């Protein structure tokens, strides 16, 4: 069985998921979330997760809007 493609194209519109540092940090934060639950208040953890994920999503949006070509392995908006 083939895996789901990372990039789906619909008549010249391309939806892609980039492998940025922000996405990796978001994944790490989500991974350690259950570990930190006994030590940090849930509301604080939720705000941290939402902030990190929002920053990551904004970075990915800015990369996609400013790029003329699709590069799935672009690490950051600050990278050429």
Protein backbone atom coordinates (compact mmCIF):
# COMPACT_ATOMS: atom_id res chain seq x y z
CA UNK A 1 0.00 0.00 0.00
CA UNK A 2 1.38 3.38 -0.97
CA UNK A 3 1.61 6.12 1.59
CA UNK A 4 -0.38 9.31 1.24
CA UNK A 5 1.56 11.74 -0.95
CA UNK A 6 3.08 14.75 0.78
CA UNK A 7 1.88 17.05 -1.95
CA UNK A 8 -1.58 16.96 -3.54
CA UNK A 9 -2.28 18.90 -6.72
CA UNK A 10 -5.71 20.04 -7.89
CA UNK A 11 -5.56 21.79 -11.26
CA UNK A 12 -2.46 23.96 -10.67
CA UNK A 13 -3.21 24.54 -6.98
CA UNK A 14 -0.72 22.72 -4.78
CA UNK A 15 -1.26 21.96 -1.11
CA UNK A 16 2.00 20.98 0.58
CA UNK A 17 3.26 20.21 4.06
CA UNK A 18 6.76 21.57 4.63
CA UNK A 19 9.43 20.09 6.91
CA UNK A 20 10.32 23.27 8.78
CA UNK A 21 12.03 23.63 12.14
CA UNK A 22 8.78 25.08 13.48
CA UNK A 23 6.88 21.93 12.56
CA UNK A 24 9.52 19.79 14.24
CA UNK A 25 9.42 21.91 17.41
CA UNK A 26 5.62 21.65 17.42
CA UNK A 27 5.90 17.87 17.20
CA UNK A 28 8.35 17.79 20.11
CA UNK A 29 6.09 20.01 22.23
CA UNK A 30 3.10 17.76 21.48
CA UNK A 31 5.19 14.70 22.34
CA UNK A 32 6.25 16.02 25.77
CA UNK A 33 2.78 17.37 26.59
CA UNK A 34 1.58 14.22 28.44
CA UNK A 35 4.88 14.02 30.33
CA UNK A 36 4.50 17.58 31.64
CA UNK A 37 0.82 17.27 32.64
CA UNK A 38 1.52 16.34 36.30
CA UNK A 39 3.97 19.23 36.72
CA UNK A 40 2.49 22.18 34.81
CA UNK A 41 -1.09 23.48 34.77
CA UNK A 42 -3.07 22.28 31.74
CA UNK A 43 -4.10 25.76 30.68
CA UNK A 44 -0.48 26.92 30.54
CA UNK A 45 0.48 23.88 28.46
CA UNK A 46 -2.40 24.48 26.07
CA UNK A 47 -1.37 28.12 25.58
CA UNK A 48 2.23 27.05 24.90
CA UNK A 49 1.15 24.40 22.39
CA UNK A 50 -1.21 26.79 20.62
CA UNK A 51 1.42 29.53 20.45
CA UNK A 52 4.12 27.22 19.06
CA UNK A 53 1.73 25.67 16.53
CA UNK A 54 0.45 29.10 15.44
CA UNK A 55 3.96 30.46 14.92
CA UNK A 56 4.83 27.34 12.93
CA UNK A 57 1.71 27.67 10.77
CA UNK A 58 2.39 31.36 10.09
CA UNK A 59 5.99 30.55 9.14
CA UNK A 60 4.84 27.83 6.74
CA UNK A 61 2.25 30.18 5.20
CA UNK A 62 4.87 32.89 4.68
CA UNK A 63 7.25 30.39 3.07
CA UNK A 64 4.55 29.19 0.68
CA UNK A 65 3.43 32.72 -0.21
CA UNK A 66 6.96 33.99 -0.82
CA UNK A 67 8.29 30.98 -2.78
CA UNK A 68 8.09 30.77 -6.54
CA UNK A 69 8.89 27.02 -6.51
CA UNK A 70 7.76 24.23 -4.23
CA UNK A 71 10.60 23.05 -1.99
CA UNK A 72 9.31 20.55 0.57
CA UNK A 73 12.62 20.49 2.46
CA UNK A 74 12.90 24.22 3.18
CA UNK A 75 13.86 24.38 6.86
CA UNK A 76 13.00 27.98 7.73
CA UNK A 77 11.78 31.27 6.33
CA UNK A 78 15.25 32.70 7.07
CA UNK A 79 16.95 30.12 4.83
CA UNK A 80 17.60 31.04 1.20
